[in-house]
Each structure stands twice: as C-alpha cells, then as structure tokens.
Amino acid sequence: MENRKTILQTLKKTLPDVYSIAEKYYTFISVMNDIKLSEREIQLISFFAVKGNISYTVNKEEFCKKYNSSEATMNNIISKLKKMKILYKEGNRIKLHSAILLDFSKNISLNINLVHE
C-alpha cells in the first residue's frame, strides 16, 4: 500500500439561522452520498429536523408559507423520502431517520475523510 500524505483543509461558513445551517448540512450529506436530493427535498428535511415534526397542520402550513410550496408538493416529497428511508412513519407521526438528525441550534463541525481504495 502506498504511503499517502493527508491534506487538511478547514472551511468556515457563517449562516444566518438554524434552517440555513440545516440546509447546508443536508446538501453536504446529499452530495457526499450521491443521493441527489432536490433543493425542495433538502428544505423539507431541514425544516423537519429543526421543527422535530411535520405531522402537525401548523408546521405543514409554516413550511408551505416559508418555502412558497403547496401541501400536495410537500406530501409528494414526504412520500419519496419515505421510500428512500430518510423519513419513516411511527404510529401517526412521520420521523426523520436518527442517523442524520442533529441539533442545529449548535455549531456543526464535520470531519470528512476522502481516502483511496
């Protein structure tokens, strides 16, 4: 095996609110894992992560207003994300997979290792 040096690069981005931080995080996750999530899908996942629940009517209405979306579009995205196992149903509630759920009120630091096979 070839002995390779490691390159360390530090990036810092200041964002205005928890939604923006969540959107940036899920964009990273989407790109790094070749999931190819659309902007609206990332917005929904981010909103979901920040609010903790989108099953409540008030949260659905808030999402639609914030992102200028319709409830039908939101429901279609939820259905797609459930098929991808990003969201799942537990009882009457839809939940975000815990492996990608963070507390976005805190600063986020990611450690990404890109290694050769």
Protein backbone atom coordinates (compact mmCIF):
# COMPACT_ATOMS: atom_id res chain seq x y z
CA MET A 1 0.00 0.00 0.00
CA GLU A 2 1.25 3.43 -0.95
CA ASN A 3 2.02 5.82 1.91
CA ARG A 4 -0.02 8.97 1.20
CA LYS A 5 0.10 12.29 2.96
CA THR A 6 -3.06 13.75 4.40
CA ILE A 7 -4.23 17.18 3.36
CA LEU A 8 -6.10 19.15 5.99
CA GLN A 9 -8.42 21.89 4.83
CA THR A 10 -10.60 23.91 7.17
CA LEU A 11 -13.69 25.67 5.93
CA LYS A 12 -15.88 28.02 7.92
CA LYS A 13 -19.23 29.37 6.85
CA THR A 14 -21.37 31.71 8.93
CA LEU A 15 -25.07 31.29 8.28
CA PRO A 16 -28.00 33.41 9.48
CA ASP A 17 -30.25 30.82 11.13
CA VAL A 18 -30.83 27.17 12.06
CA TYR A 19 -32.68 26.49 8.81
CA SER A 20 -29.73 27.69 6.72
CA ILE A 21 -27.31 25.59 8.78
CA ALA A 22 -29.52 22.52 8.38
CA GLU A 23 -29.88 23.11 4.64
CA LYS A 24 -26.10 23.39 4.21
CA TYR A 25 -25.57 20.20 6.24
CA TYR A 26 -28.11 18.15 4.29
CA THR A 27 -26.75 19.49 0.99
CA PHE A 28 -23.34 18.17 2.06
CA ILE A 29 -24.82 14.81 3.07
CA SER A 30 -26.67 14.57 -0.25
CA VAL A 31 -23.58 15.34 -2.33
CA MET A 32 -21.19 13.15 -0.32
CA ASN A 33 -23.51 10.15 -0.54
CA ASP A 34 -24.64 10.69 -4.16
CA ILE A 35 -28.27 10.87 -3.04
CA LYS A 36 -29.09 13.72 -5.45
CA LEU A 37 -31.73 15.39 -3.32
CA SER A 38 -33.51 18.37 -4.88
CA GLU A 39 -33.41 21.79 -3.26
CA ARG A 40 -37.02 21.41 -2.07
CA GLU A 41 -36.28 17.96 -0.60
CA ILE A 42 -33.34 19.42 1.31
CA GLN A 43 -35.54 22.28 2.51
CA LEU A 44 -38.16 19.82 3.77
CA ILE A 45 -35.60 17.62 5.56
CA SER A 46 -34.03 20.73 7.11
CA PHE A 47 -37.37 22.12 8.23
CA PHE A 48 -38.28 18.72 9.62
CA ALA A 49 -35.01 18.49 11.55
CA VAL A 50 -35.43 21.96 13.06
CA LYS A 51 -39.14 21.62 13.90
CA GLY A 52 -38.93 18.00 15.00
CA ASN A 53 -42.24 17.11 13.40
CA ILE A 54 -44.12 17.93 10.24
CA SER A 55 -47.22 15.91 11.07
CA TYR A 56 -48.87 18.91 12.74
CA THR A 57 -51.01 21.09 10.47
CA VAL A 58 -49.42 24.28 11.77
CA ASN A 59 -45.94 23.02 10.79
CA LYS A 60 -47.16 21.98 7.33
CA GLU A 61 -48.66 25.43 6.81
CA GLU A 62 -45.47 27.10 8.05
CA PHE A 63 -43.33 25.05 5.65
CA CYS A 64 -45.60 25.88 2.71
CA LYS A 65 -45.51 29.57 3.55
CA LYS A 66 -41.75 29.72 4.25
CA TYR A 67 -40.79 27.92 1.03
CA ASN A 68 -43.70 29.01 -1.18
CA SER A 69 -44.81 25.43 -1.65
CA SER A 70 -48.12 23.57 -1.71
CA GLU A 71 -49.22 20.85 0.67
CA ALA A 72 -49.55 18.46 -2.29
CA THR A 73 -45.91 19.03 -3.25
CA MET A 74 -44.86 18.56 0.37
CA ASN A 75 -46.81 15.29 0.60
CA ASN A 76 -45.19 14.02 -2.62
CA ILE A 77 -41.74 14.81 -1.24
CA ILE A 78 -42.57 13.10 2.06
CA SER A 79 -43.64 10.00 0.13
CA LYS A 80 -40.39 9.99 -1.87
CA LEU A 81 -38.25 10.48 1.25
CA LYS A 82 -40.08 7.62 2.99
CA LYS A 83 -39.23 5.33 0.06
CA MET A 84 -35.58 6.43 0.40
CA LYS A 85 -35.74 5.59 4.16
CA ILE A 86 -34.80 9.17 5.09
CA LEU A 87 -38.24 9.56 6.69
CA TYR A 88 -40.29 6.82 8.30
CA LYS A 89 -43.69 6.50 9.91
CA GLU A 90 -44.03 5.68 13.58
CA GLY A 91 -47.64 5.48 14.69
CA ASN A 92 -49.36 8.55 13.28
CA ARG A 93 -46.16 10.57 13.05
CA ILE A 94 -43.55 10.87 10.36
CA LYS A 95 -39.98 10.98 11.67
CA LEU A 96 -36.55 11.81 10.31
CA HIS A 97 -34.02 8.99 10.43
CA SER A 98 -31.99 9.46 13.64
CA ALA A 99 -28.65 8.85 11.88
CA ILE A 100 -28.95 12.24 10.16
CA LEU A 101 -30.79 14.18 12.85
CA LEU A 102 -28.71 16.87 14.55
CA ASP A 103 -29.38 19.76 16.92
CA PHE A 104 -28.92 22.69 14.54
CA SER A 105 -29.13 25.24 17.32
CA LYS A 106 -25.48 24.27 17.98
CA ASN A 107 -22.47 24.93 15.77
CA ILE A 108 -21.70 21.98 13.49
CA SER A 109 -18.21 20.68 12.77
CA LEU A 110 -17.81 17.97 10.12
CA ASN A 111 -14.80 15.71 9.68
CA ILE A 112 -14.76 14.31 6.15
CA ASN A 113 -12.17 11.75 5.12
CA LEU A 114 -11.80 11.04 1.42
CA VAL A 115 -9.48 8.03 1.11
CA HIS A 116 -8.09 5.93 -1.69
CA GLU A 117 -9.13 2.30 -2.00
